Amino acid sequence: MPICKSCEDEVDELVSVKAGGRRVKVCEDCAERLAEEAEIAEMSESAIQDMMGYKGRR
């Protein structure tokens, strides 16, 4: 049985997700959590850039 790299539980199937610039094989629950964390980080970065008046590219 494969083992999730994030929670280290045995799962039926692993999903490959890009997290922190690297591909990680994790279970579906951890993949959803990582996706939510990435979305929140992107939104907070965007909000800070808006407050600072940043007009350039990321």
N, C-alpha and C. Protein backbone atom coordinates (compact mmCIF):
# COMPACT_ATOMS: atom_id res chain seq x y z
N MET A 1 0.85 -1.18 0.00
CA MET A 1 0.00 0.00 0.00
C MET A 1 0.89 1.24 0.00
N PRO A 2 0.54 2.23 -0.83
CA PRO A 2 1.32 3.47 -0.85
C PRO A 2 1.11 4.28 0.43
N ILE A 3 2.11 5.10 0.75
CA ILE A 3 2.06 5.92 1.96
C ILE A 3 2.10 7.39 1.55
N CYS A 4 1.19 8.17 2.13
CA CYS A 4 1.11 9.61 1.87
C CYS A 4 2.34 10.30 2.47
N LYS A 5 2.95 11.21 1.71
CA LYS A 5 4.14 11.93 2.18
C LYS A 5 3.79 12.98 3.22
N SER A 6 2.56 13.43 3.27
CA SER A 6 2.16 14.49 4.18
C SER A 6 1.69 13.94 5.53
N CYS A 7 0.71 13.06 5.51
CA CYS A 7 0.15 12.55 6.76
C CYS A 7 0.73 11.18 7.14
N GLU A 8 1.47 10.57 6.24
CA GLU A 8 2.13 9.28 6.44
C GLU A 8 1.17 8.14 6.77
N ASP A 9 -0.04 8.23 6.23
CA ASP A 9 -1.02 7.16 6.36
C ASP A 9 -0.97 6.28 5.11
N GLU A 10 -1.36 5.03 5.26
CA GLU A 10 -1.47 4.14 4.11
C GLU A 10 -2.78 4.45 3.40
N VAL A 11 -2.72 4.63 2.09
CA VAL A 11 -3.91 4.97 1.30
C VAL A 11 -3.99 4.04 0.09
N ASP A 12 -5.15 4.05 -0.57
CA ASP A 12 -5.34 3.22 -1.76
C ASP A 12 -4.64 3.82 -2.97
N GLU A 13 -4.67 5.16 -3.08
CA GLU A 13 -4.13 5.81 -4.26
C GLU A 13 -3.53 7.16 -3.89
N LEU A 14 -2.42 7.51 -4.53
CA LEU A 14 -1.77 8.80 -4.29
C LEU A 14 -2.02 9.73 -5.46
N VAL A 15 -2.06 11.03 -5.16
CA VAL A 15 -2.27 12.06 -6.16
C VAL A 15 -1.02 12.93 -6.17
N SER A 16 -0.53 13.26 -7.36
CA SER A 16 0.65 14.12 -7.48
C SER A 16 0.20 15.58 -7.49
N VAL A 17 0.72 16.38 -6.54
CA VAL A 17 0.33 17.77 -6.39
C VAL A 17 1.58 18.63 -6.31
N LYS A 18 1.51 19.82 -6.90
CA LYS A 18 2.64 20.75 -6.82
C LYS A 18 2.47 21.61 -5.57
N ALA A 19 3.43 21.51 -4.65
CA ALA A 19 3.37 22.26 -3.40
C ALA A 19 4.75 22.82 -3.10
N GLY A 20 4.83 24.11 -2.96
CA GLY A 20 6.10 24.73 -2.65
C GLY A 20 7.12 24.61 -3.77
N GLY A 21 6.65 24.56 -5.00
CA GLY A 21 7.53 24.45 -6.15
C GLY A 21 8.00 23.04 -6.46
N ARG A 22 7.52 22.06 -5.72
CA ARG A 22 7.91 20.66 -5.94
C ARG A 22 6.67 19.80 -6.11
N ARG A 23 6.82 18.70 -6.80
CA ARG A 23 5.74 17.72 -6.94
C ARG A 23 5.80 16.77 -5.76
N VAL A 24 4.66 16.58 -5.10
CA VAL A 24 4.58 15.70 -3.94
C VAL A 24 3.43 14.73 -4.16
N LYS A 25 3.65 13.48 -3.82
CA LYS A 25 2.58 12.48 -3.92
C LYS A 25 1.92 12.35 -2.55
N VAL A 26 0.65 12.76 -2.50
CA VAL A 26 -0.11 12.75 -1.26
C VAL A 26 -1.48 12.13 -1.50
N CYS A 27 -2.20 11.86 -0.42
CA CYS A 27 -3.56 11.32 -0.53
C CYS A 27 -4.51 12.44 -0.96
N GLU A 28 -5.72 12.10 -1.31
CA GLU A 28 -6.69 13.08 -1.81
C GLU A 28 -7.04 14.12 -0.76
N ASP A 29 -7.16 13.72 0.51
CA ASP A 29 -7.48 14.67 1.58
C ASP A 29 -6.38 15.71 1.73
N CYS A 30 -5.14 15.27 1.73
CA CYS A 30 -4.00 16.19 1.85
C CYS A 30 -3.89 17.06 0.61
N ALA A 31 -4.22 16.52 -0.56
CA ALA A 31 -4.17 17.30 -1.80
C ALA A 31 -5.16 18.45 -1.74
N GLU A 32 -6.36 18.19 -1.23
CA GLU A 32 -7.36 19.25 -1.09
C GLU A 32 -6.89 20.31 -0.10
N ARG A 33 -6.31 19.87 1.01
CA ARG A 33 -5.80 20.80 2.02
C ARG A 33 -4.69 21.67 1.45
N LEU A 34 -3.76 21.07 0.71
CA LEU A 34 -2.66 21.82 0.11
C LEU A 34 -3.18 22.82 -0.92
N ALA A 35 -4.19 22.44 -1.68
CA ALA A 35 -4.77 23.34 -2.67
C ALA A 35 -5.43 24.55 -1.99
N GLU A 36 -6.15 24.29 -0.89
CA GLU A 36 -6.78 25.38 -0.15
C GLU A 36 -5.72 26.32 0.44
N GLU A 37 -4.64 25.76 1.00
CA GLU A 37 -3.58 26.58 1.58
C GLU A 37 -2.92 27.44 0.51
N ALA A 38 -2.70 26.89 -0.67
CA ALA A 38 -2.09 27.64 -1.76
C ALA A 38 -3.00 28.77 -2.22
N GLU A 39 -4.30 28.50 -2.29
CA GLU A 39 -5.26 29.52 -2.70
C GLU A 39 -5.31 30.66 -1.69
N ILE A 40 -5.30 30.34 -0.40
CA ILE A 40 -5.32 31.35 0.65
C ILE A 40 -4.05 32.19 0.60
N ALA A 41 -2.90 31.54 0.40
CA ALA A 41 -1.63 32.26 0.32
C ALA A 41 -1.62 33.21 -0.87
N GLU A 42 -2.16 32.77 -2.01
CA GLU A 42 -2.21 33.62 -3.20
C GLU A 42 -3.12 34.82 -2.98
N MET A 43 -4.28 34.60 -2.33
CA MET A 43 -5.21 35.69 -2.08
C MET A 43 -4.61 36.70 -1.10
N SER A 44 -3.91 36.22 -0.07
CA SER A 44 -3.32 37.14 0.90
C SER A 44 -2.19 37.94 0.26
N GLU A 45 -1.40 37.31 -0.59
CA GLU A 45 -0.33 38.03 -1.28
C GLU A 45 -0.93 39.10 -2.19
N SER A 46 -2.01 38.77 -2.88
CA SER A 46 -2.67 39.72 -3.76
C SER A 46 -3.21 40.90 -2.96
N ALA A 47 -3.79 40.63 -1.79
CA ALA A 47 -4.34 41.71 -0.96
C ALA A 47 -3.23 42.64 -0.48
N ILE A 48 -2.10 42.09 -0.09
CA ILE A 48 -0.98 42.91 0.37
C ILE A 48 -0.44 43.75 -0.78
N GLN A 49 -0.32 43.16 -1.97
CA GLN A 49 0.15 43.92 -3.13
C GLN A 49 -0.81 45.05 -3.48
N ASP A 50 -2.11 44.80 -3.34
CA ASP A 50 -3.10 45.85 -3.61
C ASP A 50 -2.95 46.99 -2.60
N MET A 51 -2.74 46.65 -1.32
CA MET A 51 -2.57 47.68 -0.30
C MET A 51 -1.33 48.52 -0.55
N MET A 52 -0.27 47.89 -1.06
CA MET A 52 0.98 48.59 -1.29
C MET A 52 0.99 49.32 -2.64
N GLY A 53 -0.02 49.09 -3.46
CA GLY A 53 -0.09 49.74 -4.76
C GLY A 53 0.84 49.14 -5.78
N TYR A 54 1.18 47.88 -5.63
CA TYR A 54 2.10 47.20 -6.55
C TYR A 54 1.39 46.98 -7.87
N LYS A 55 1.98 47.48 -8.96
CA LYS A 55 1.36 47.37 -10.28
C LYS A 55 2.10 46.43 -11.22
N GLY A 56 3.23 45.87 -10.80
CA GLY A 56 4.04 45.02 -11.65
C GLY A 56 3.54 43.60 -11.73
N ARG A 57 4.32 42.80 -12.37
CA ARG A 57 3.98 41.38 -12.51
C ARG A 57 4.54 40.60 -11.33
N ARG A 58 3.97 39.48 -11.17
CA ARG A 58 4.48 38.57 -10.15
C ARG A 58 5.38 37.59 -10.79
